[in-house]
């Protein structure tokens, strides 16, 4: 009788242990997935802001070049 209860207790303990481990791994997996997604979003936002600032500076440079060319053209004519 004692052996049977020990086996039952062991199997219950093992089941609970594996369930806890599985839950822990699932939580860890989702947590790491969320962190990876957040990092990707941050990288995308940074790259978009960098490209926007580059395009803005490019537009400003183009405007400056156009103004200089127009002013020079008007001066020489």
PDB file of N, CA and C in Angstrom:
ATOM      1  N   UNK A   1       0.840  -1.203   0.000  1.00  0.00           N
ATOM      2  CA  UNK A   1       0.000   0.000   0.000  1.00  0.00           C
ATOM      3  C   UNK A   1       0.875   1.253   0.000  1.00  0.00           C
ATOM      4  N   UNK A   2       1.922   1.228   0.824  1.00  0.00           N
ATOM      5  CA  UNK A   2       2.810   2.382   0.928  1.00  0.00           C
ATOM      6  C   UNK A   2       3.522   2.642  -0.394  1.00  0.00           C
ATOM      7  N   UNK A   3       3.941   1.557  -1.074  1.00  0.00           N
ATOM      8  CA  UNK A   3       4.643   1.693  -2.355  1.00  0.00           C
ATOM      9  C   UNK A   3       3.728   2.321  -3.401  1.00  0.00           C
ATOM     10  N   UNK A   4       2.473   1.879  -3.427  1.00  0.00           N
ATOM     11  CA  UNK A   4       1.520   2.403  -4.408  1.00  0.00           C
ATOM     12  C   UNK A   4       1.320   3.905  -4.194  1.00  0.00           C
ATOM     13  N   UNK A   5       1.122   4.325  -2.938  1.00  0.00           N
ATOM     14  CA  UNK A   5       0.930   5.757  -2.650  1.00  0.00           C
ATOM     15  C   UNK A   5       2.171   6.551  -3.028  1.00  0.00           C
ATOM     16  N   UNK A   6       3.359   5.949  -2.767  1.00  0.00           N
ATOM     17  CA  UNK A   6       4.611   6.619  -3.150  1.00  0.00           C
ATOM     18  C   UNK A   6       4.670   6.818  -4.657  1.00  0.00           C
ATOM     19  N   UNK A   7       4.293   5.769  -5.423  1.00  0.00           N
ATOM     20  CA  UNK A   7       4.315   5.867  -6.892  1.00  0.00           C
ATOM     21  C   UNK A   7       3.323   6.927  -7.349  1.00  0.00           C
ATOM     22  N   UNK A   8       2.124   6.906  -6.756  1.00  0.00           N
ATOM     23  CA  UNK A   8       1.102   7.892  -7.129  1.00  0.00           C
ATOM     24  C   UNK A   8       1.604   9.303  -6.826  1.00  0.00           C
ATOM     25  N   UNK A   9       2.174   9.477  -5.620  1.00  0.00           N
ATOM     26  CA  UNK A   9       2.690  10.788  -5.227  1.00  0.00           C
ATOM     27  C   UNK A   9       3.800  11.241  -6.185  1.00  0.00           C
ATOM     28  N   UNK A  10       4.681  10.282  -6.548  1.00  0.00           N
ATOM     29  CA  UNK A  10       5.780  10.604  -7.462  1.00  0.00           C
ATOM     30  C   UNK A  10       5.248  11.022  -8.825  1.00  0.00           C
ATOM     31  N   UNK A  11       4.260  10.261  -9.345  1.00  0.00           N
ATOM     32  CA  UNK A  11       3.726  10.610 -10.665  1.00  0.00           C
ATOM     33  C   UNK A  11       3.034  11.968 -10.619  1.00  0.00           C
ATOM     34  N   UNK A  12       2.265  12.238  -9.539  1.00  0.00           N
ATOM     35  CA  UNK A  12       1.608  13.547  -9.387  1.00  0.00           C
ATOM     36  C   UNK A  12       2.668  14.647  -9.331  1.00  0.00           C
ATOM     37  N   UNK A  13       3.711  14.414  -8.530  1.00  0.00           N
ATOM     38  CA  UNK A  13       4.794  15.390  -8.384  1.00  0.00           C
ATOM     39  C   UNK A  13       5.467  15.637  -9.736  1.00  0.00           C
ATOM     40  N   UNK A  14       5.730  14.540 -10.479  1.00  0.00           N
ATOM     41  CA  UNK A  14       6.365  14.663 -11.799  1.00  0.00           C
ATOM     42  C   UNK A  14       5.467  15.421 -12.769  1.00  0.00           C
ATOM     43  N   UNK A  15       4.149  15.106 -12.747  1.00  0.00           N
ATOM     44  CA  UNK A  15       3.209  15.797 -13.624  1.00  0.00           C
ATOM     45  C   UNK A  15       3.179  17.285 -13.305  1.00  0.00           C
ATOM     46  N   UNK A  16       3.080  17.626 -12.006  1.00  0.00           N
ATOM     47  CA  UNK A  16       3.065  19.028 -11.591  1.00  0.00           C
ATOM     48  C   UNK A  16       4.377  19.692 -11.993  1.00  0.00           C
ATOM     49  N   UNK A  17       5.491  18.985 -11.771  1.00  0.00           N
ATOM     50  CA  UNK A  17       6.805  19.528 -12.123  1.00  0.00           C
ATOM     51  C   UNK A  17       6.910  19.819 -13.604  1.00  0.00           C
ATOM     52  N   UNK A  18       6.491  18.848 -14.450  1.00  0.00           N
ATOM     53  CA  UNK A  18       6.587  19.056 -15.894  1.00  0.00           C
ATOM     54  C   UNK A  18       5.633  20.153 -16.328  1.00  0.00           C
ATOM     55  N   UNK A  19       4.430  20.202 -15.715  1.00  0.00           N
ATOM     56  CA  UNK A  19       3.479  21.266 -16.056  1.00  0.00           C
ATOM     57  C   UNK A  19       4.075  22.627 -15.735  1.00  0.00           C
ATOM     58  N   UNK A  20       4.685  22.751 -14.548  1.00  0.00           N
ATOM     59  CA  UNK A  20       5.308  24.015 -14.157  1.00  0.00           C
ATOM     60  C   UNK A  20       6.421  24.366 -15.136  1.00  0.00           C
ATOM     61  N   UNK A  21       7.239  23.356 -15.488  1.00  0.00           N
ATOM     62  CA  UNK A  21       8.331  23.591 -16.439  1.00  0.00           C
ATOM     63  C   UNK A  21       7.779  24.024 -17.789  1.00  0.00           C
ATOM     64  N   UNK A  22       6.743  23.331 -18.273  1.00  0.00           N
ATOM     65  CA  UNK A  22       6.148  23.657 -19.572  1.00  0.00           C
ATOM     66  C   UNK A  22       5.579  25.073 -19.534  1.00  0.00           C
ATOM     67  N   UNK A  23       4.846  25.383 -18.446  1.00  0.00           N
ATOM     68  CA  UNK A  23       4.288  26.728 -18.301  1.00  0.00           C
ATOM     69  C   UNK A  23       5.398  27.765 -18.272  1.00  0.00           C
ATOM     70  N   UNK A  24       6.464  27.459 -17.542  1.00  0.00           N
ATOM     71  CA  UNK A  24       7.593  28.382 -17.459  1.00  0.00           C
ATOM     72  C   UNK A  24       8.194  28.613 -18.839  1.00  0.00           C
ATOM     73  N   UNK A  25       8.356  27.510 -19.606  1.00  0.00           N
ATOM     74  CA  UNK A  25       8.938  27.649 -20.942  1.00  0.00           C
ATOM     75  C   UNK A  25       8.010  28.425 -21.865  1.00  0.00           C
ATOM     76  N   UNK A  26       6.684  28.175 -21.740  1.00  0.00           N
ATOM     77  CA  UNK A  26       5.725  28.905 -22.566  1.00  0.00           C
ATOM     78  C   UNK A  26       5.788  30.396 -22.237  1.00  0.00           C
ATOM     79  N   UNK A  27       5.785  30.717 -20.938  1.00  0.00           N
ATOM     80  CA  UNK A  27       5.861  32.118 -20.504  1.00  0.00           C
ATOM     81  C   UNK A  27       7.162  32.747 -20.981  1.00  0.00           C
ATOM     82  N   UNK A  28       8.268  32.003 -20.807  1.00  0.00           N
ATOM     83  CA  UNK A  28       9.575  32.497 -21.235  1.00  0.00           C
ATOM     84  C   UNK A  28       9.585  32.732 -22.736  1.00  0.00           C
ATOM     85  N   UNK A  29       8.995  31.784 -23.502  1.00  0.00           N
ATOM     86  CA  UNK A  29       8.956  31.886 -24.959  1.00  0.00           C
ATOM     87  C   UNK A  29       8.166  33.121 -25.384  1.00  0.00           C
ATOM     88  N   UNK A  30       6.961  33.292 -24.781  1.00  0.00           N
ATOM     89  CA  UNK A  30       6.139  34.451 -25.131  1.00  0.00           C
ATOM     90  C   UNK A  30       6.836  35.744 -24.727  1.00  0.00           C
ATOM     91  N   UNK A  31       7.465  35.729 -23.546  1.00  0.00           N
ATOM     92  CA  UNK A  31       8.174  36.918 -23.066  1.00  0.00           C
ATOM     93  C   UNK A  31       9.292  37.305 -24.032  1.00  0.00           C
ATOM     94  N   UNK A  32      10.079  36.305 -24.448  1.00  0.00           N
ATOM     95  CA  UNK A  32      11.170  36.572 -25.384  1.00  0.00           C
ATOM     96  C   UNK A  32      10.619  37.015 -26.734  1.00  0.00           C
ATOM     97  N   UNK A  33       9.477  36.423 -27.150  1.00  0.00           N
ATOM     98  CA  UNK A  33       8.851  36.807 -28.407  1.00  0.00           C
ATOM     99  C   UNK A  33       8.404  38.265 -28.359  1.00  0.00           C
ATOM    100  N   UNK A  34       7.785  38.656 -27.229  1.00  0.00           N
ATOM    101  CA  UNK A  34       7.328  40.040 -27.050  1.00  0.00           C
ATOM    102  C   UNK A  34       8.518  40.991 -27.071  1.00  0.00           C
ATOM    103  N   UNK A  35       9.615  40.607 -26.380  1.00  0.00           N
ATOM    104  CA  UNK A  35      10.818  41.446 -26.351  1.00  0.00           C
ATOM    105  C   UNK A  35      11.384  41.602 -27.762  1.00  0.00           C
ATOM    106  N   UNK A  36      11.425  40.493 -28.529  1.00  0.00           N
ATOM    107  CA  UNK A  36      11.946  40.539 -29.903  1.00  0.00           C
ATOM    108  C   UNK A  36      11.074  41.455 -30.755  1.00  0.00           C
ATOM    109  N   UNK A  37       9.731  41.343 -30.607  1.00  0.00           N
ATOM    110  CA  UNK A  37       8.820  42.182 -31.383  1.00  0.00           C
ATOM    111  C   UNK A  37       9.030  43.651 -31.034  1.00  0.00           C
ATOM    112  N   UNK A  38       9.183  43.951 -29.721  1.00  0.00           N
ATOM    113  CA  UNK A  38       9.411  45.332 -29.286  1.00  0.00           C
ATOM    114  C   UNK A  38      10.710  45.867 -29.877  1.00  0.00           C
ATOM    115  N   UNK A  39      11.770  45.040 -29.863  1.00  0.00           N
ATOM    116  CA  UNK A  39      13.064  45.455 -30.420  1.00  0.00           C
ATOM    117  C   UNK A  39      12.923  45.740 -31.913  1.00  0.00           C
ATOM    118  N   UNK A  40      12.193  44.859 -32.632  1.00  0.00           N
ATOM    119  CA  UNK A  40      11.989  45.053 -34.074  1.00  0.00           C
ATOM    120  C   UNK A  40      11.231  46.351 -34.327  1.00  0.00           C
ATOM    121  N   UNK A  41      10.172  46.618 -33.521  1.00  0.00           N
ATOM    122  CA  UNK A  41       9.386  47.844 -33.679  1.00  0.00           C
ATOM    123  C   UNK A  41      10.268  49.071 -33.440  1.00  0.00           C
ATOM    124  N   UNK A  42      11.114  49.003 -32.382  1.00  0.00           N
ATOM    125  CA  UNK A  42      12.010  50.122 -32.072  1.00  0.00           C
ATOM    126  C   UNK A  42      12.977  50.355 -33.232  1.00  0.00           C
ATOM    127  N   UNK A  43      13.535  49.253 -33.793  1.00  0.00           N
ATOM    128  CA  UNK A  43      14.466  49.374 -34.923  1.00  0.00           C
ATOM    129  C   UNK A  43      13.754  50.004 -36.112  1.00  0.00           C
ATOM    130  N   UNK A  44      12.506  49.560 -36.377  1.00  0.00           N
ATOM    131  CA  UNK A  44      11.744  50.110 -37.504  1.00  0.00           C
ATOM    132  C   UNK A  44      11.500  51.603 -37.291  1.00  0.00           C
ATOM    133  N   UNK A  45      11.102  51.979 -36.070  1.00  0.00           N
ATOM    134  CA  UNK A  45      10.833  53.394 -35.766  1.00  0.00           C
ATOM    135  C   UNK A  45      12.102  54.217 -35.952  1.00  0.00           C
ATOM    136  N   UNK A  46      13.235  53.699 -35.440  1.00  0.00           N
ATOM    137  CA  UNK A  46      14.512  54.417 -35.567  1.00  0.00           C
ATOM    138  C   UNK A  46      14.880  54.572 -37.038  1.00  0.00           C
ATOM    139  N   UNK A  47      14.737  53.492 -37.814  1.00  0.00           N
ATOM    140  CA  UNK A  47      15.113  53.561 -39.232  1.00  0.00           C
ATOM    141  C   UNK A  47      14.191  54.522 -39.977  1.00  0.00           C
ATOM    142  N   UNK A  48      12.876  54.502 -39.637  1.00  0.00           N
ATOM    143  CA  UNK A  48      11.947  55.421 -40.295  1.00  0.00           C
ATOM    144  C   UNK A  48      12.313  56.869 -39.955  1.00  0.00           C
ATOM    145  N   UNK A  49      12.616  57.134 -38.670  1.00  0.00           N
ATOM    146  CA  UNK A  49      12.956  58.501 -38.281  1.00  0.00           C
ATOM    147  C   UNK A  49      14.261  58.936 -38.941  1.00  0.00           C
ATOM    148  N   UNK A  50      15.220  58.011 -39.050  1.00  0.00           N
ATOM    149  CA  UNK A  50      16.487  58.343 -39.715  1.00  0.00           C
ATOM    150  C   UNK A  50      16.223  58.663 -41.184  1.00  0.00           C
ATOM    151  N   UNK A  51      15.404  57.833 -41.852  1.00  0.00           N
ATOM    152  CA  UNK A  51      15.130  58.070 -43.277  1.00  0.00           C
ATOM    153  C   UNK A  51      14.357  59.373 -43.451  1.00  0.00           C
ATOM    154  N   UNK A  52      13.432  59.680 -42.523  1.00  0.00           N
ATOM    155  CA  UNK A  52      12.687  60.939 -42.606  1.00  0.00           C
ATOM    156  C   UNK A  52      13.642  62.125 -42.444  1.00  0.00           C
ATOM    157  N   UNK A  53      14.551  62.040 -41.462  1.00  0.00           N
ATOM    158  CA  UNK A  53      15.497  63.144 -41.255  1.00  0.00           C
ATOM    159  C   UNK A  53      16.426  63.277 -42.461  1.00  0.00           C
ATOM    160  N   UNK A  54      16.833  62.138 -43.045  1.00  0.00           N
ATOM    161  CA  UNK A  54      17.686  62.191 -44.237  1.00  0.00           C
ATOM    162  C   UNK A  54      16.925  62.842 -45.389  1.00  0.00           C
ATOM    163  N   UNK A  55      15.646  62.447 -45.559  1.00  0.00           N
ATOM    164  CA  UNK A  55      14.875  63.015 -46.668  1.00  0.00           C
ATOM    165  C   UNK A  55      14.636  64.505 -46.436  1.00  0.00           C
ATOM    166  N   UNK A  56      14.385  64.897 -45.175  1.00  0.00           N
ATOM    167  CA  UNK A  56      14.187  66.323 -44.867  1.00  0.00           C
ATOM    168  C   UNK A  56      15.473  67.101 -45.169  1.00  0.00           C
ATOM    169  N   UNK A  57      16.616  66.569 -44.731  1.00  0.00           N
ATOM    170  CA  UNK A  57      17.881  67.255 -45.002  1.00  0.00           C
ATOM    171  C   UNK A  57      18.160  67.277 -46.505  1.00  0.00           C
ATOM    172  N   UNK A  58      17.785  66.194 -47.198  1.00  0.00           N
ATOM    173  CA  UNK A  58      17.940  66.158 -48.652  1.00  0.00           C
ATOM    174  C   UNK A  58      17.090  67.212 -49.326  1.00  0.00           C
ATOM    175  N   UNK A  59      15.837  67.360 -48.861  1.00  0.00           N
ATOM    176  CA  UNK A  59      14.935  68.378 -49.412  1.00  0.00           C
ATOM    177  C   UNK A  59      15.506  69.773 -49.159  1.00  0.00           C
ATOM    178  N   UNK A  60      16.028  69.997 -47.935  1.00  0.00           N
ATOM    179  CA  UNK A  60      16.612  71.301 -47.597  1.00  0.00           C
ATOM    180  C   UNK A  60      17.813  71.588 -48.496  1.00  0.00           C
ATOM    181  N   UNK A  61      18.662  70.561 -48.700  1.00  0.00           N
ATOM    182  CA  UNK A  61      19.837  70.735 -49.576  1.00  0.00           C
ATOM    183  C   UNK A  61      19.385  71.073 -50.990  1.00  0.00           C
ATOM    184  N   UNK A  62      18.353  70.345 -51.487  1.00  0.00           N
ATOM    185  CA  UNK A  62      17.839  70.610 -52.843  1.00  0.00           C
ATOM    186  C   UNK A  62      17.307  72.040 -52.933  1.00  0.00           C
ATOM    187  N   UNK A  63      16.560  72.487 -51.908  1.00  0.00           N
ATOM    188  CA  UNK A  63      16.014  73.858 -51.896  1.00  0.00           C
ATOM    189  C   UNK A  63      17.152  74.873 -51.925  1.00  0.00           C
ATOM    190  N   UNK A  64      18.187  74.635 -51.086  1.00  0.00           N
ATOM    191  CA  UNK A  64      19.337  75.550 -51.049  1.00  0.00           C
ATOM    192  C   UNK A  64      20.004  75.607 -52.417  1.00  0.00           C
ATOM    193  N   UNK A  65      20.215  74.441 -53.041  1.00  0.00           N
ATOM    194  CA  UNK A  65      20.856  74.391 -54.364  1.00  0.00           C
ATOM    195  C   UNK A  65      20.018  75.146 -55.379  1.00  0.00           C
ATOM    196  N   UNK A  66      18.684  74.917 -55.370  1.00  0.00           N
ATOM    197  CA  UNK A  66      17.791  75.595 -56.315  1.00  0.00           C
ATOM    198  C   UNK A  66      17.848  77.108 -56.109  1.00  0.00           C
ATOM    199  N   UNK A  67      17.790  77.537 -54.828  1.00  0.00           N
ATOM    200  CA  UNK A  67      17.832  78.972 -54.524  1.00  0.00           C
ATOM    201  C   UNK A  67      19.144  79.572 -55.013  1.00  0.00           C
ATOM    202  N   UNK A  68      20.271  78.903 -54.723  1.00  0.00           N
ATOM    203  CA  UNK A  68      21.584  79.400 -55.153  1.00  0.00           C
ATOM    204  C   UNK A  68      21.643  79.492 -56.666  1.00  0.00           C
ATOM    205  N   UNK A  69      21.164  78.444 -57.353  1.00  0.00           N
ATOM    206  CA  UNK A  69      21.188  78.444 -58.823  1.00  0.00           C
ATOM    207  C   UNK A  69      20.325  79.574 -59.375  1.00  0.00           C
ATOM    208  N   UNK A  70      19.109  79.745 -58.819  1.00  0.00           N
ATOM    209  CA  UNK A  70      18.202  80.780 -59.296  1.00  0.00           C
ATOM    210  C   UNK A  70      18.807  82.163 -59.040  1.00  0.00           C
ATOM    211  N   UNK A  71      19.366  82.360 -57.830  1.00  0.00           N
ATOM    212  CA  UNK A  71      19.966  83.653 -57.501  1.00  0.00           C
ATOM    213  C   UNK A  71      21.135  83.939 -58.444  1.00  0.00           C
ATOM    214  N   UNK A  72      22.003  82.951 -58.657  1.00  0.00           N
ATOM    215  CA  UNK A  72      23.138  83.129 -59.552  1.00  0.00           C
ATOM    216  C   UNK A  72      22.660  83.413 -60.975  1.00  0.00           C
ATOM    217  N   UNK A  73      21.614  82.677 -61.406  1.00  0.00           N
ATOM    218  CA  UNK A  73      21.084  82.880 -62.751  1.00  0.00           C
ATOM    219  C   UNK A  73      20.545  84.299 -62.916  1.00  0.00           C
ATOM    220  N   UNK A  74      19.816  84.766 -61.866  1.00  0.00           N
ATOM    221  CA  UNK A  74      19.262  86.116 -61.914  1.00  0.00           C
ATOM    222  C   UNK A  74      20.366  87.167 -61.863  1.00  0.00           C
ATOM    223  N   UNK A  75      21.429  86.905 -61.094  1.00  0.00           N
ATOM    224  CA  UNK A  75      22.531  87.861 -60.979  1.00  0.00           C
ATOM    225  C   UNK A  75      23.248  88.006 -62.309  1.00  0.00           C
ATOM    226  N   UNK A  76      23.455  86.896 -62.996  1.00  0.00           N
ATOM    227  CA  UNK A  76      24.252  86.946 -64.219  1.00  0.00           C
ATOM    228  C   UNK A  76      23.422  87.441 -65.410  1.00  0.00           C
ATOM    229  N   UNK A  77      22.069  87.402 -65.278  1.00  0.00           N
ATOM    230  CA  UNK A  77      21.272  87.860 -66.428  1.00  0.00           C
ATOM    231  C   UNK A  77      20.833  89.280 -66.222  1.00  0.00           C
TER     232      UNK A  77
END
